[in-house]
Amino acid sequence: RGLDAPRFGPMKPVGLIDPNTNHRPWACV
Protein backbone atom coordinates (compact mmCIF):
# COMPACT_ATOMS: atom_id res chain seq x y z
CA ARG A 1 0.00 0.00 0.00
CA GLY A 2 3.01 2.25 0.29
CA LEU A 3 6.55 2.40 1.53
CA ASP A 4 5.61 3.98 4.86
CA ALA A 5 2.42 1.98 5.50
CA PRO A 6 4.06 -0.62 7.82
CA ARG A 7 6.04 2.17 9.56
CA PHE A 8 2.76 3.75 10.60
CA GLY A 9 1.28 0.34 11.44
CA PRO A 10 2.86 -2.66 13.19
CA MET A 11 6.40 -1.33 12.58
CA LYS A 12 5.80 2.06 14.18
CA PRO A 13 8.77 3.21 16.31
CA VAL A 14 6.90 5.61 18.59
CA GLY A 15 7.51 5.33 22.32
CA LEU A 16 10.81 3.49 21.84
CA ILE A 17 14.44 4.59 22.22
CA ASP A 18 17.23 2.43 20.84
CA PRO A 19 19.89 2.26 23.61
CA ASN A 20 22.59 1.76 20.97
CA THR A 21 21.86 5.15 19.40
CA ASN A 22 19.83 6.95 22.10
CA HIS A 23 17.39 7.90 19.35
CA ARG A 24 14.03 6.69 18.17
CA PRO A 25 14.46 4.12 15.35
CA TRP A 26 13.21 4.82 11.84
CA ALA A 27 11.01 1.73 12.19
CA CYS A 28 10.81 -1.16 14.60
CA VAL A 29 9.53 -4.74 14.77
mmCIF file of all heavy atoms, coordinates in Angstrom:
data_MODEL
# 
_entry.id   MODEL 
# 
loop_
_atom_site.group_PDB 
_atom_site.id 
_atom_site.type_symbol 
_atom_site.label_atom_id 
_atom_site.label_alt_id 
_atom_site.label_comp_id 
_atom_site.label_asym_id 
_atom_site.label_entity_id 
_atom_site.label_seq_id 
_atom_site.pdbx_PDB_ins_code 
_atom_site.Cartn_x 
_atom_site.Cartn_y 
_atom_site.Cartn_z 
_atom_site.occupancy 
_atom_site.B_iso_or_equiv 
_atom_site.pdbx_formal_charge 
_atom_site.auth_seq_id 
_atom_site.auth_comp_id 
_atom_site.auth_asym_id 
_atom_site.auth_atom_id 
_atom_site.pdbx_PDB_model_num 
ATOM 1   N N   . ARG A 1 1  ? 0.810  -1.212 0.000  1.00 0.00 ? 1  ARG A N   1 
ATOM 2   C CA  . ARG A 1 1  ? 0.000  0.000  0.000  1.00 0.00 ? 1  ARG A CA  1 
ATOM 3   C C   . ARG A 1 1  ? 0.844  1.262  0.000  1.00 0.00 ? 1  ARG A C   1 
ATOM 4   O O   . ARG A 1 1  ? 0.328  2.357  -0.197 1.00 0.00 ? 1  ARG A O   1 
ATOM 5   C CB  . ARG A 1 1  ? -0.938 0.003  1.216  1.00 0.00 ? 1  ARG A CB  1 
ATOM 6   C CG  . ARG A 1 1  ? -2.035 -1.041 1.121  1.00 0.00 ? 1  ARG A CG  1 
ATOM 7   C CD  . ARG A 1 1  ? -3.065 -0.875 2.220  1.00 0.00 ? 1  ARG A CD  1 
ATOM 8   N NE  . ARG A 1 1  ? -4.240 -1.702 1.975  1.00 0.00 ? 1  ARG A NE  1 
ATOM 9   C CZ  . ARG A 1 1  ? -5.312 -1.723 2.740  1.00 0.00 ? 1  ARG A CZ  1 
ATOM 10  N NH1 . ARG A 1 1  ? -5.368 -0.947 3.821  1.00 0.00 ? 1  ARG A NH1 1 
ATOM 11  N NH2 . ARG A 1 1  ? -6.333 -2.499 2.438  1.00 0.00 ? 1  ARG A NH2 1 
ATOM 12  N N   . GLY A 1 2  ? 2.119  1.088  0.276  1.00 0.00 ? 2  GLY A N   1 
ATOM 13  C CA  . GLY A 1 2  ? 3.007  2.253  0.286  1.00 0.00 ? 2  GLY A CA  1 
ATOM 14  C C   . GLY A 1 2  ? 4.205  2.003  1.165  1.00 0.00 ? 2  GLY A C   1 
ATOM 15  O O   . GLY A 1 2  ? 4.133  1.252  2.149  1.00 0.00 ? 2  GLY A O   1 
ATOM 16  N N   . LEU A 1 3  ? 5.305  2.628  0.822  1.00 0.00 ? 3  LEU A N   1 
ATOM 17  C CA  . LEU A 1 3  ? 6.553  2.401  1.527  1.00 0.00 ? 3  LEU A CA  1 
ATOM 18  C C   . LEU A 1 3  ? 6.429  2.626  3.029  1.00 0.00 ? 3  LEU A C   1 
ATOM 19  O O   . LEU A 1 3  ? 7.002  1.875  3.831  1.00 0.00 ? 3  LEU A O   1 
ATOM 20  C CB  . LEU A 1 3  ? 7.639  3.322  0.950  1.00 0.00 ? 3  LEU A CB  1 
ATOM 21  C CG  . LEU A 1 3  ? 9.021  3.245  1.591  1.00 0.00 ? 3  LEU A CG  1 
ATOM 22  C CD1 . LEU A 1 3  ? 9.621  1.847  1.420  1.00 0.00 ? 3  LEU A CD1 1 
ATOM 23  C CD2 . LEU A 1 3  ? 9.949  4.310  0.999  1.00 0.00 ? 3  LEU A CD2 1 
ATOM 24  N N   . ASP A 1 4  ? 5.687  3.650  3.433  1.00 0.00 ? 4  ASP A N   1 
ATOM 25  C CA  . ASP A 1 4  ? 5.613  3.984  4.860  1.00 0.00 ? 4  ASP A CA  1 
ATOM 26  C C   . ASP A 1 4  ? 4.443  3.324  5.579  1.00 0.00 ? 4  ASP A C   1 
ATOM 27  O O   . ASP A 1 4  ? 4.300  3.503  6.801  1.00 0.00 ? 4  ASP A O   1 
ATOM 28  C CB  . ASP A 1 4  ? 5.514  5.499  5.035  1.00 0.00 ? 4  ASP A CB  1 
ATOM 29  C CG  . ASP A 1 4  ? 6.839  6.194  4.779  1.00 0.00 ? 4  ASP A CG  1 
ATOM 30  O OD1 . ASP A 1 4  ? 7.885  5.578  5.057  1.00 0.00 ? 4  ASP A OD1 1 
ATOM 31  O OD2 . ASP A 1 4  ? 6.830  7.338  4.292  1.00 0.00 ? 4  ASP A OD2 1 
ATOM 32  N N   . ALA A 1 5  ? 3.607  2.566  4.866  1.00 0.00 ? 5  ALA A N   1 
ATOM 33  C CA  . ALA A 1 5  ? 2.421  1.985  5.499  1.00 0.00 ? 5  ALA A CA  1 
ATOM 34  C C   . ALA A 1 5  ? 2.774  1.119  6.712  1.00 0.00 ? 5  ALA A C   1 
ATOM 35  O O   . ALA A 1 5  ? 2.183  1.300  7.790  1.00 0.00 ? 5  ALA A O   1 
ATOM 36  C CB  . ALA A 1 5  ? 1.615  1.194  4.481  1.00 0.00 ? 5  ALA A CB  1 
ATOM 37  N N   . PRO A 1 6  ? 3.734  0.171  6.623  1.00 0.00 ? 6  PRO A N   1 
ATOM 38  C CA  . PRO A 1 6  ? 4.063  -0.619 7.819  1.00 0.00 ? 6  PRO A CA  1 
ATOM 39  C C   . PRO A 1 6  ? 4.662  0.224  8.939  1.00 0.00 ? 6  PRO A C   1 
ATOM 40  O O   . PRO A 1 6  ? 4.489  -0.083 10.122 1.00 0.00 ? 6  PRO A O   1 
ATOM 41  C CB  . PRO A 1 6  ? 5.085  -1.641 7.294  1.00 0.00 ? 6  PRO A CB  1 
ATOM 42  C CG  . PRO A 1 6  ? 4.809  -1.738 5.823  1.00 0.00 ? 6  PRO A CG  1 
ATOM 43  C CD  . PRO A 1 6  ? 4.428  -0.343 5.426  1.00 0.00 ? 6  PRO A CD  1 
ATOM 44  N N   . ARG A 1 7  ? 5.371  1.326  8.567  1.00 0.00 ? 7  ARG A N   1 
ATOM 45  C CA  . ARG A 1 7  ? 6.036  2.172  9.558  1.00 0.00 ? 7  ARG A CA  1 
ATOM 46  C C   . ARG A 1 7  ? 5.030  2.971  10.383 1.00 0.00 ? 7  ARG A C   1 
ATOM 47  O O   . ARG A 1 7  ? 5.345  3.442  11.491 1.00 0.00 ? 7  ARG A O   1 
ATOM 48  C CB  . ARG A 1 7  ? 7.011  3.113  8.853  1.00 0.00 ? 7  ARG A CB  1 
ATOM 49  C CG  . ARG A 1 7  ? 8.080  3.698  9.760  1.00 0.00 ? 7  ARG A CG  1 
ATOM 50  C CD  . ARG A 1 7  ? 9.210  4.289  8.950  1.00 0.00 ? 7  ARG A CD  1 
ATOM 51  N NE  . ARG A 1 7  ? 8.805  5.498  8.254  1.00 0.00 ? 7  ARG A NE  1 
ATOM 52  C CZ  . ARG A 1 7  ? 8.883  6.721  8.778  1.00 0.00 ? 7  ARG A CZ  1 
ATOM 53  N NH1 . ARG A 1 7  ? 9.328  6.882  10.014 1.00 0.00 ? 7  ARG A NH1 1 
ATOM 54  N NH2 . ARG A 1 7  ? 8.519  7.771  8.081  1.00 0.00 ? 7  ARG A NH2 1 
ATOM 55  N N   . PHE A 1 8  ? 3.831  3.096  9.855  1.00 0.00 ? 8  PHE A N   1 
ATOM 56  C CA  . PHE A 1 8  ? 2.756  3.748  10.599 1.00 0.00 ? 8  PHE A CA  1 
ATOM 57  C C   . PHE A 1 8  ? 1.746  2.718  11.110 1.00 0.00 ? 8  PHE A C   1 
ATOM 58  O O   . PHE A 1 8  ? 0.689  3.084  11.607 1.00 0.00 ? 8  PHE A O   1 
ATOM 59  C CB  . PHE A 1 8  ? 2.061  4.799  9.733  1.00 0.00 ? 8  PHE A CB  1 
ATOM 60  C CG  . PHE A 1 8  ? 2.891  6.030  9.536  1.00 0.00 ? 8  PHE A CG  1 
ATOM 61  C CD1 . PHE A 1 8  ? 3.762  6.126  8.467  1.00 0.00 ? 8  PHE A CD1 1 
ATOM 62  C CD2 . PHE A 1 8  ? 2.833  7.081  10.447 1.00 0.00 ? 8  PHE A CD2 1 
ATOM 63  C CE1 . PHE A 1 8  ? 4.550  7.258  8.283  1.00 0.00 ? 8  PHE A CE1 1 
ATOM 64  C CE2 . PHE A 1 8  ? 3.616  8.208  10.279 1.00 0.00 ? 8  PHE A CE2 1 
ATOM 65  C CZ  . PHE A 1 8  ? 4.483  8.305  9.194  1.00 0.00 ? 8  PHE A CZ  1 
ATOM 66  N N   . GLY A 1 9  ? 2.104  1.436  10.954 1.00 0.00 ? 9  GLY A N   1 
ATOM 67  C CA  . GLY A 1 9  ? 1.278  0.336  11.438 1.00 0.00 ? 9  GLY A CA  1 
ATOM 68  C C   . GLY A 1 9  ? 2.051  -0.489 12.443 1.00 0.00 ? 9  GLY A C   1 
ATOM 69  O O   . GLY A 1 9  ? 2.549  0.052  13.447 1.00 0.00 ? 9  GLY A O   1 
ATOM 70  N N   . PRO A 1 10 ? 2.202  -1.793 12.198 1.00 0.00 ? 10 PRO A N   1 
ATOM 71  C CA  . PRO A 1 10 ? 2.865  -2.657 13.191 1.00 0.00 ? 10 PRO A CA  1 
ATOM 72  C C   . PRO A 1 10 ? 4.350  -2.368 13.390 1.00 0.00 ? 10 PRO A C   1 
ATOM 73  O O   . PRO A 1 10 ? 4.921  -2.790 14.386 1.00 0.00 ? 10 PRO A O   1 
ATOM 74  C CB  . PRO A 1 10 ? 2.657  -4.063 12.620 1.00 0.00 ? 10 PRO A CB  1 
ATOM 75  C CG  . PRO A 1 10 ? 2.418  -3.870 11.158 1.00 0.00 ? 10 PRO A CG  1 
ATOM 76  C CD  . PRO A 1 10 ? 1.681  -2.570 11.057 1.00 0.00 ? 10 PRO A CD  1 
ATOM 77  N N   . MET A 1 11 ? 4.967  -1.643 12.451 1.00 0.00 ? 11 MET A N   1 
ATOM 78  C CA  . MET A 1 11 ? 6.401  -1.329 12.579 1.00 0.00 ? 11 MET A CA  1 
ATOM 79  C C   . MET A 1 11 ? 6.641  0.086  13.085 1.00 0.00 ? 11 MET A C   1 
ATOM 80  O O   . MET A 1 11 ? 7.740  0.624  12.959 1.00 0.00 ? 11 MET A O   1 
ATOM 81  C CB  . MET A 1 11 ? 7.112  -1.551 11.235 1.00 0.00 ? 11 MET A CB  1 
ATOM 82  C CG  . MET A 1 11 ? 7.086  -2.994 10.766 1.00 0.00 ? 11 MET A CG  1 
ATOM 83  S SD  . MET A 1 11 ? 7.934  -3.251 9.176  1.00 0.00 ? 11 MET A SD  1 
ATOM 84  C CE  . MET A 1 11 ? 9.649  -2.958 9.670  1.00 0.00 ? 11 MET A CE  1 
ATOM 85  N N   . LYS A 1 12 ? 5.640  0.691  13.687 1.00 0.00 ? 12 LYS A N   1 
ATOM 86  C CA  . LYS A 1 12 ? 5.802  2.064  14.175 1.00 0.00 ? 12 LYS A CA  1 
ATOM 87  C C   . LYS A 1 12 ? 6.837  2.099  15.303 1.00 0.00 ? 12 LYS A C   1 
ATOM 88  O O   . LYS A 1 12 ? 6.867  1.239  16.180 1.00 0.00 ? 12 LYS A O   1 
ATOM 89  C CB  . LYS A 1 12 ? 4.473  2.645  14.647 1.00 0.00 ? 12 LYS A CB  1 
ATOM 90  C CG  . LYS A 1 12 ? 3.801  1.907  15.780 1.00 0.00 ? 12 LYS A CG  1 
ATOM 91  C CD  . LYS A 1 12 ? 2.468  2.575  16.117 1.00 0.00 ? 12 LYS A CD  1 
ATOM 92  C CE  . LYS A 1 12 ? 1.738  1.837  17.238 1.00 0.00 ? 12 LYS A CE  1 
ATOM 93  N NZ  . LYS A 1 12 ? 1.225  0.515  16.791 1.00 0.00 ? 12 LYS A NZ  1 
ATOM 94  N N   . PRO A 1 13 ? 7.705  3.120  15.309 1.00 0.00 ? 13 PRO A N   1 
ATOM 95  C CA  . PRO A 1 13 ? 8.771  3.207  16.312 1.00 0.00 ? 13 PRO A CA  1 
ATOM 96  C C   . PRO A 1 13 ? 8.425  4.078  17.513 1.00 0.00 ? 13 PRO A C   1 
ATOM 97  O O   . PRO A 1 13 ? 9.254  4.239  18.413 1.00 0.00 ? 13 PRO A O   1 
ATOM 98  C CB  . PRO A 1 13 ? 9.907  3.835  15.509 1.00 0.00 ? 13 PRO A CB  1 
ATOM 99  C CG  . PRO A 1 13 ? 9.201  4.755  14.548 1.00 0.00 ? 13 PRO A CG  1 
ATOM 100 C CD  . PRO A 1 13 ? 7.882  4.093  14.214 1.00 0.00 ? 13 PRO A CD  1 
ATOM 101 N N   . VAL A 1 14 ? 7.231  4.643  17.542 1.00 0.00 ? 14 VAL A N   1 
ATOM 102 C CA  . VAL A 1 14 ? 6.897  5.611  18.590 1.00 0.00 ? 14 VAL A CA  1 
ATOM 103 C C   . VAL A 1 14 ? 6.974  4.977  19.973 1.00 0.00 ? 14 VAL A C   1 
ATOM 104 O O   . VAL A 1 14 ? 6.645  3.815  20.168 1.00 0.00 ? 14 VAL A O   1 
ATOM 105 C CB  . VAL A 1 14 ? 5.492  6.211  18.365 1.00 0.00 ? 14 VAL A CB  1 
ATOM 106 C CG1 . VAL A 1 14 ? 5.447  7.005  17.074 1.00 0.00 ? 14 VAL A CG1 1 
ATOM 107 C CG2 . VAL A 1 14 ? 4.427  5.123  18.348 1.00 0.00 ? 14 VAL A CG2 1 
ATOM 108 N N   . GLY A 1 15 ? 7.434  5.784  20.935 1.00 0.00 ? 15 GLY A N   1 
ATOM 109 C CA  . GLY A 1 15 ? 7.515  5.326  22.319 1.00 0.00 ? 15 GLY A CA  1 
ATOM 110 C C   . GLY A 1 15 ? 8.711  4.450  22.607 1.00 0.00 ? 15 GLY A C   1 
ATOM 111 O O   . GLY A 1 15 ? 8.784  3.852  23.686 1.00 0.00 ? 15 GLY A O   1 
ATOM 112 N N   . LEU A 1 16 ? 9.657  4.357  21.664 1.00 0.00 ? 16 LEU A N   1 
ATOM 113 C CA  . LEU A 1 16 ? 10.813 3.492  21.837 1.00 0.00 ? 16 LEU A CA  1 
ATOM 114 C C   . LEU A 1 16 ? 12.110 4.269  21.592 1.00 0.00 ? 16 LEU A C   1 
ATOM 115 O O   . LEU A 1 16 ? 12.177 5.084  20.675 1.00 0.00 ? 16 LEU A O   1 
ATOM 116 C CB  . LEU A 1 16 ? 10.750 2.303  20.871 1.00 0.00 ? 16 LEU A CB  1 
ATOM 117 C CG  . LEU A 1 16 ? 9.577  1.333  21.059 1.00 0.00 ? 16 LEU A CG  1 
ATOM 118 C CD1 . LEU A 1 16 ? 9.492  0.382  19.874 1.00 0.00 ? 16 LEU A CD1 1 
ATOM 119 C CD2 . LEU A 1 16 ? 9.726  0.552  22.367 1.00 0.00 ? 16 LEU A CD2 1 
ATOM 120 N N   . ILE A 1 17 ? 13.104 4.012  22.388 1.00 0.00 ? 17 ILE A N   1 
ATOM 121 C CA  . ILE A 1 17 ? 14.441 4.595  22.215 1.00 0.00 ? 17 ILE A CA  1 
ATOM 122 C C   . ILE A 1 17 ? 15.451 3.451  22.121 1.00 0.00 ? 17 ILE A C   1 
ATOM 123 O O   . ILE A 1 17 ? 15.526 2.590  23.004 1.00 0.00 ? 17 ILE A O   1 
ATOM 124 C CB  . ILE A 1 17 ? 14.824 5.529  23.382 1.00 0.00 ? 17 ILE A CB  1 
ATOM 125 C CG1 . ILE A 1 17 ? 13.838 6.701  23.470 1.00 0.00 ? 17 ILE A CG1 1 
ATOM 126 C CG2 . ILE A 1 17 ? 16.252 6.026  23.224 1.00 0.00 ? 17 ILE A CG2 1 
ATOM 127 C CD1 . ILE A 1 17 ? 13.854 7.628  22.258 1.00 0.00 ? 17 ILE A CD1 1 
ATOM 128 N N   . ASP A 1 18 ? 16.206 3.443  21.032 1.00 0.00 ? 18 ASP A N   1 
ATOM 129 C CA  . ASP A 1 18 ? 17.231 2.426  20.842 1.00 0.00 ? 18 ASP A CA  1 
ATOM 130 C C   . ASP A 1 18 ? 18.427 2.772  21.733 1.00 0.00 ? 18 ASP A C   1 
ATOM 131 O O   . ASP A 1 18 ? 19.064 3.809  21.535 1.00 0.00 ? 18 ASP A O   1 
ATOM 132 C CB  . ASP A 1 18 ? 17.651 2.389  19.364 1.00 0.00 ? 18 ASP A CB  1 
ATOM 133 C CG  . ASP A 1 18 ? 18.685 1.323  19.062 1.00 0.00 ? 18 ASP A CG  1 
ATOM 134 O OD1 . ASP A 1 18 ? 19.179 0.684  20.003 1.00 0.00 ? 18 ASP A OD1 1 
ATOM 135 O OD2 . ASP A 1 18 ? 19.002 1.139  17.864 1.00 0.00 ? 18 ASP A OD2 1 
ATOM 136 N N   . PRO A 1 19 ? 18.767 1.924  22.709 1.00 0.00 ? 19 PRO A N   1 
ATOM 137 C CA  . PRO A 1 19 ? 19.890 2.258  23.609 1.00 0.00 ? 19 PRO A CA  1 
ATOM 138 C C   . PRO A 1 19 ? 21.238 2.299  22.895 1.00 0.00 ? 19 PRO A C   1 
ATOM 139 O O   . PRO A 1 19 ? 22.192 2.891  23.425 1.00 0.00 ? 19 PRO A O   1 
ATOM 140 C CB  . PRO A 1 19 ? 19.853 1.127  24.646 1.00 0.00 ? 19 PRO A CB  1 
ATOM 141 C CG  . PRO A 1 19 ? 19.142 0.003  23.972 1.00 0.00 ? 19 PRO A CG  1 
ATOM 142 C CD  . PRO A 1 19 ? 18.134 0.642  23.064 1.00 0.00 ? 19 PRO A CD  1 
ATOM 143 N N   . ASN A 1 20 ? 21.323 1.717  21.714 1.00 0.00 ? 20 ASN A N   1 
ATOM 144 C CA  . ASN A 1 20 ? 22.586 1.757  20.968 1.00 0.00 ? 20 ASN A CA  1 
ATOM 145 C C   . ASN A 1 20 ? 22.831 3.106  20.304 1.00 0.00 ? 20 ASN A C   1 
ATOM 146 O O   . ASN A 1 20 ? 23.967 3.457  19.988 1.00 0.00 ? 20 ASN A O   1 
ATOM 147 C CB  . ASN A 1 20 ? 22.604 0.659  19.907 1.00 0.00 ? 20 ASN A CB  1 
ATOM 148 C CG  . ASN A 1 20 ? 22.725 -0.730 20.508 1.00 0.00 ? 20 ASN A CG  1 
ATOM 149 O OD1 . ASN A 1 20 ? 23.478 -0.940 21.455 1.00 0.00 ? 20 ASN A OD1 1 
ATOM 150 N ND2 . ASN A 1 20 ? 21.972 -1.681 19.982 1.00 0.00 ? 20 ASN A ND2 1 
ATOM 151 N N   . THR A 1 21 ? 21.727 3.847  20.062 1.00 0.00 ? 21 THR A N   1 
ATOM 152 C CA  . THR A 1 21 ? 21.860 5.147  19.397 1.00 0.00 ? 21 THR A CA  1 
ATOM 153 C C   . THR A 1 21 ? 21.337 6.300  20.247 1.00 0.00 ? 21 THR A C   1 
ATOM 154 O O   . THR A 1 21 ? 21.605 7.468  19.950 1.00 0.00 ? 21 THR A O   1 
ATOM 155 C CB  . THR A 1 21 ? 21.092 5.150  18.065 1.00 0.00 ? 21 THR A CB  1 
ATOM 156 O OG1 . THR A 1 21 ? 19.685 4.987  18.326 1.00 0.00 ? 21 THR A OG1 1 
ATOM 157 C CG2 . THR A 1 21 ? 21.574 4.021  17.160 1.00 0.00 ? 21 THR A CG2 1 
ATOM 158 N N   . ASN A 1 22 ? 20.525 5.955  21.266 1.00 0.00 ? 22 ASN A N   1 
ATOM 159 C CA  . ASN A 1 22 ? 19.831 6.954  22.101 1.00 0.00 ? 22 ASN A CA  1 
ATOM 160 C C   . ASN A 1 22 ? 18.843 7.781  21.298 1.00 0.00 ? 22 ASN A C   1 
ATOM 161 O O   . ASN A 1 22 ? 18.507 8.918  21.686 1.00 0.00 ? 22 ASN A O   1 
ATOM 162 C CB  . ASN A 1 22 ? 20.836 7.869  22.821 1.00 0.00 ? 22 ASN A CB  1 
ATOM 163 C CG  . ASN A 1 22 ? 21.596 7.141  23.912 1.00 0.00 ? 22 ASN A CG  1 
ATOM 164 O OD1 . ASN A 1 22 ? 21.022 6.305  24.611 1.00 0.00 ? 22 ASN A OD1 1 
ATOM 165 N ND2 . ASN A 1 22 ? 22.880 7.437  24.038 1.00 0.00 ? 22 ASN A ND2 1 
ATOM 166 N N   . HIS A 1 23 ? 18.390 7.227  20.173 1.00 0.00 ? 23 HIS A N   1 
ATOM 167 C CA  . HIS A 1 23 ? 17.388 7.904  19.345 1.00 0.00 ? 23 HIS A CA  1 
ATOM 168 C C   . HIS A 1 23 ? 16.243 6.937  19.034 1.00 0.00 ? 23 HIS A C   1 
ATOM 169 O O   . HIS A 1 23 ? 16.384 5.713  19.137 1.00 0.00 ? 23 HIS A O   1 
ATOM 170 C CB  . HIS A 1 23 ? 18.000 8.401  18.030 1.00 0.00 ? 23 HIS A CB  1 
ATOM 171 C CG  . HIS A 1 23 ? 19.032 9.472  18.204 1.00 0.00 ? 23 HIS A CG  1 
ATOM 172 N ND1 . HIS A 1 23 ? 18.728 10.748 18.624 1.00 0.00 ? 23 HIS A ND1 1 
ATOM 173 C CD2 . HIS A 1 23 ? 20.379 9.454  18.020 1.00 0.00 ? 23 HIS A CD2 1 
ATOM 174 C CE1 . HIS A 1 23 ? 19.826 11.473 18.694 1.00 0.00 ? 23 HIS A CE1 1 
ATOM 175 N NE2 . HIS A 1 23 ? 20.851 10.710 18.333 1.00 0.00 ? 23 HIS A NE2 1 
ATOM 176 N N   . ARG A 1 24 ? 15.143 7.519  18.624 1.00 0.00 ? 24 ARG A N   1 
ATOM 177 C CA  . ARG A 1 24 ? 14.032 6.692  18.166 1.00 0.00 ? 24 ARG A CA  1 
ATOM 178 C C   . ARG A 1 24 ? 14.397 6.064  16.828 1.00 0.00 ? 24 ARG A C   1 
ATOM 179 O O   . ARG A 1 24 ? 14.930 6.757  15.943 1.00 0.00 ? 24 ARG A O   1 
ATOM 180 C CB  . ARG A 1 24 ? 12.767 7.545  18.010 1.00 0.00 ? 24 ARG A CB  1 
ATOM 181 C CG  . ARG A 1 24 ? 11.514 6.708  17.718 1.00 0.00 ? 24 ARG A CG  1 
ATOM 182 C CD  . ARG A 1 24 ? 10.270 7.575  17.662 1.00 0.00 ? 24 ARG A CD  1 
ATOM 183 N NE  . ARG A 1 24 ? 10.172 8.276  16.383 1.00 0.00 ? 24 ARG A NE  1 
ATOM 184 C CZ  . ARG A 1 24 ? 9.135  9.036  16.035 1.00 0.00 ? 24 ARG A CZ  1 
ATOM 185 N NH1 . ARG A 1 24 ? 8.144  9.226  16.905 1.00 0.00 ? 24 ARG A NH1 1 
ATOM 186 N NH2 . ARG A 1 24 ? 9.110  9.636  14.874 1.00 0.00 ? 24 ARG A NH2 1 
ATOM 187 N N   . PRO A 1 25 ? 14.142 4.749  16.637 1.00 0.00 ? 25 PRO A N   1 
ATOM 188 C CA  . PRO A 1 25 ? 14.459 4.116  15.350 1.00 0.00 ? 25 PRO A CA  1 
ATOM 189 C C   . PRO A 1 25 ? 13.587 4.676  14.235 1.00 0.00 ? 25 PRO A C   1 
ATOM 190 O O   . PRO A 1 25 ? 12.531 5.276  14.470 1.00 0.00 ? 25 PRO A O   1 
ATOM 191 C CB  . PRO A 1 25 ? 14.148 2.633  15.596 1.00 0.00 ? 25 PRO A CB  1 
ATOM 192 C CG  . PRO A 1 25 ? 14.031 2.484  17.079 1.00 0.00 ? 25 PRO A CG  1 
ATOM 193 C CD  . PRO A 1 25 ? 13.578 3.804  17.599 1.00 0.00 ? 25 PRO A CD  1 
ATOM 194 N N   . TRP A 1 26 ? 14.029 4.441  12.996 1.00 0.00 ? 26 TRP A N   1 
ATOM 195 C CA  . TRP A 1 26 ? 13.214 4.824  11.839 1.00 0.00 ? 26 TRP A CA  1 
ATOM 196 C C   . TRP A 1 26 ? 11.961 3.946  11.776 1.00 0.00 ? 26 TRP A C   1 
ATOM 197 O O   . TRP A 1 26 ? 10.879 4.408  11.439 1.00 0.00 ? 26 TRP A O   1 
ATOM 198 C CB  . TRP A 1 26 ? 14.037 4.674  10.557 1.00 0.00 ? 26 TRP A CB  1 
ATOM 199 C CG  . TRP A 1 26 ? 13.316 5.108  9.316  1.00 0.00 ? 26 TRP A CG  1 
ATOM 200 C CD1 . TRP A 1 26 ? 12.758 4.310  8.362  1.00 0.00 ? 26 TRP A CD1 1 
ATOM 201 C CD2 . TRP A 1 26 ? 13.053 6.453  8.900  1.00 0.00 ? 26 TRP A CD2 1 
ATOM 202 N NE1 . TRP A 1 26 ? 12.166 5.053  7.373  1.00 0.00 ? 26 TRP A NE1 1 
ATOM 203 C CE2 . TRP A 1 26 ? 12.339 6.381  7.681  1.00 0.00 ? 26 TRP A CE2 1 
ATOM 204 C CE3 . TRP A 1 26 ? 13.372 7.704  9.438  1.00 0.00 ? 26 TRP A CE3 1 
ATOM 205 C CZ2 . TRP A 1 26 ? 11.932 7.521  6.984  1.00 0.00 ? 26 TRP A CZ2 1 
ATOM 206 C CZ3 . TRP A 1 26 ? 12.950 8.843  8.747  1.00 0.00 ? 26 TRP A CZ3 1 
ATOM 207 C CH2 . TRP A 1 26 ? 12.243 8.742  7.538  1.00 0.00 ? 26 TRP A CH2 1 
ATOM 208 N N   . ALA A 1 27 ? 12.113 2.688  12.106 1.00 0.00 ? 27 ALA A N   1 
ATOM 209 C CA  . ALA A 1 27 ? 11.012 1.733  12.187 1.00 0.00 ? 27 ALA A CA  1 
ATOM 210 C C   . ALA A 1 27 ? 11.433 0.651  13.163 1.00 0.00 ? 27 ALA A C   1 
ATOM 211 O O   . ALA A 1 27 ? 12.609 0.554  13.531 1.00 0.00 ? 27 ALA A O   1 
ATOM 212 C CB  . ALA A 1 27 ? 10.691 1.139  10.822 1.00 0.00 ? 27 ALA A CB  1 
ATOM 213 N N   . CYS A 1 28 ? 10.481 -0.153 13.603 1.00 0.00 ? 28 CYS A N   1 
ATOM 214 C CA  . CYS A 1 28 ? 10.814 -1.165 14.602 1.00 0.00 ? 28 CYS A CA  1 
ATOM 215 C C   . CYS A 1 28 ? 9.845  -2.340 14.520 1.00 0.00 ? 28 CYS A C   1 
ATOM 216 O O   . CYS A 1 28 ? 8.633  -2.138 14.343 1.00 0.00 ? 28 CYS A O   1 
ATOM 217 C CB  . CYS A 1 28 ? 10.763 -0.553 16.003 1.00 0.00 ? 28 CYS A CB  1 
ATOM 218 S SG  . CYS A 1 28 ? 11.432 -1.630 17.283 1.00 0.00 ? 28 CYS A SG  1 
ATOM 219 N N   . VAL A 1 29 ? 10.372 -3.547 14.620 1.00 0.00 ? 29 VAL A N   1 
ATOM 220 C CA  . VAL A 1 29 ? 9.535  -4.743 14.768 1.00 0.00 ? 29 VAL A CA  1 
ATOM 221 C C   . VAL A 1 29 ? 9.561  -5.137 16.235 1.00 0.00 ? 29 VAL A C   1 
ATOM 222 O O   . VAL A 1 29 ? 10.638 -5.311 16.815 1.00 0.00 ? 29 VAL A O   1 
ATOM 223 C CB  . VAL A 1 29 ? 10.047 -5.916 13.901 1.00 0.00 ? 29 VAL A CB  1 
ATOM 224 C CG1 . VAL A 1 29 ? 9.279  -7.198 14.222 1.00 0.00 ? 29 VAL A CG1 1 
ATOM 225 C CG2 . VAL A 1 29 ? 9.914  -5.582 12.426 1.00 0.00 ? 29 VAL A CG2 1 
# 
